[in-house]
Amino acid sequence: MYRRLRDLREDCDKTQREIAQIIGMSQTGYSQYELGKNDIPTSILKKLALFYNTSIDYILELTDEKKPYPRRTDKNNLD
C-alpha cells in the first residue's frame, strides 16, 4: 500500500510537501504514511482517493483497477 501511495504521488509529479499541503497536514506526517510507519486514517484515505481520482480499494491494494466507481454527487460525501 505504501509503495502505491508513492507511485500515485510521483505519477502526478508532486512532492510529499505538496500532497501534505493538499490534504492539510505536515510533510513529516505524510512521509510516515509513505514509509509505512503510521496507519492512514480513513479521513486521509478519502482525501487521497478524491485527489488522485481513484478508489480507497486501489490505494489499499485491494484491487488493481485504478479507475474508481462512479462517485456520489451530494456534497456531504466530500467531507
Protein backbone atom coordinates (compact mmCIF):
# COMPACT_ATOMS: atom_id res chain seq x y z
CA MET A 1 0.00 0.00 0.00
CA TYR A 2 2.74 2.44 0.90
CA ARG A 3 4.54 1.93 -2.39
CA ARG A 4 1.28 2.62 -4.19
CA LEU A 5 0.93 5.94 -2.36
CA ARG A 6 4.38 6.98 -3.51
CA ASP A 7 3.67 5.83 -7.07
CA LEU A 8 0.44 7.84 -7.20
CA ARG A 9 2.25 10.93 -5.94
CA GLU A 10 5.12 10.54 -8.38
CA ASP A 11 2.72 9.95 -11.29
CA CYS A 12 1.30 13.42 -10.56
CA ASP A 13 4.80 14.94 -10.30
CA LYS A 14 4.07 16.11 -6.75
CA THR A 15 6.36 16.27 -3.75
CA GLN A 16 5.44 14.94 -0.33
CA ARG A 17 5.21 18.56 0.83
CA GLU A 18 2.69 19.41 -1.92
CA ILE A 19 0.48 16.40 -1.13
CA ALA A 20 0.69 17.15 2.58
CA GLN A 21 -0.50 20.71 1.94
CA ILE A 22 -3.35 19.49 -0.26
CA ILE A 23 -4.64 17.15 2.45
CA GLY A 24 -3.91 19.58 5.30
CA MET A 25 -1.02 18.06 7.22
CA SER A 26 2.75 18.32 7.63
CA GLN A 27 5.22 16.82 5.17
CA THR A 28 6.76 14.82 8.02
CA GLY A 29 3.40 13.34 8.95
CA TYR A 30 2.64 12.45 5.35
CA SER A 31 6.05 10.85 4.85
CA GLN A 32 5.28 8.49 7.74
CA TYR A 33 2.36 7.15 5.68
CA GLU A 34 4.54 6.52 2.61
CA LEU A 35 7.15 4.79 4.77
CA GLY A 36 4.53 2.59 6.43
CA LYS A 37 5.37 3.87 9.89
CA ASN A 38 1.86 5.18 10.60
CA ASP A 39 -1.54 3.81 9.63
CA ILE A 40 -3.52 6.13 7.41
CA PRO A 41 -6.78 7.38 8.92
CA THR A 42 -9.94 6.91 6.89
CA SER A 43 -10.37 10.67 6.50
CA ILE A 44 -6.93 10.94 4.88
CA LEU A 45 -7.55 7.92 2.65
CA LYS A 46 -10.74 9.59 1.45
CA LYS A 47 -8.92 12.85 0.65
CA LEU A 48 -6.18 11.00 -1.20
CA ALA A 49 -8.65 8.94 -3.23
CA LEU A 50 -10.53 12.09 -4.22
CA PHE A 51 -7.33 13.93 -5.13
CA TYR A 52 -5.91 11.06 -7.19
CA ASN A 53 -9.33 10.24 -8.68
CA THR A 54 -9.06 6.63 -7.62
CA SER A 55 -10.62 4.38 -5.00
CA ILE A 56 -9.55 3.65 -1.46
CA ASP A 57 -9.52 -0.01 -2.54
CA TYR A 58 -6.84 0.84 -5.09
CA ILE A 59 -4.75 2.73 -2.53
CA LEU A 60 -5.07 -0.20 -0.10
CA GLU A 61 -4.10 -2.64 -2.89
CA LEU A 62 -7.41 -4.49 -2.67
CA THR A 63 -7.76 -4.03 -6.43
CA ASP A 64 -5.51 -3.19 -9.34
CA GLU A 65 -8.34 -1.26 -11.01
CA LYS A 66 -7.22 2.36 -10.77
CA LYS A 67 -10.45 3.88 -12.07
CA PRO A 68 -12.88 4.48 -9.20
CA TYR A 69 -16.50 3.51 -9.01
CA PRO A 70 -18.86 6.34 -10.00
CA ARG A 71 -18.94 8.84 -7.16
CA ARG A 72 -21.97 10.13 -5.33
CA THR A 73 -22.84 13.67 -6.28
CA ASP A 74 -24.08 15.01 -2.95
CA LYS A 75 -21.72 17.42 -1.19
CA ASN A 76 -21.88 15.52 2.12
CA ASN A 77 -19.85 12.74 0.50
CA LEU A 78 -16.79 15.01 0.25
CA ASP A 79 -16.34 15.70 3.97
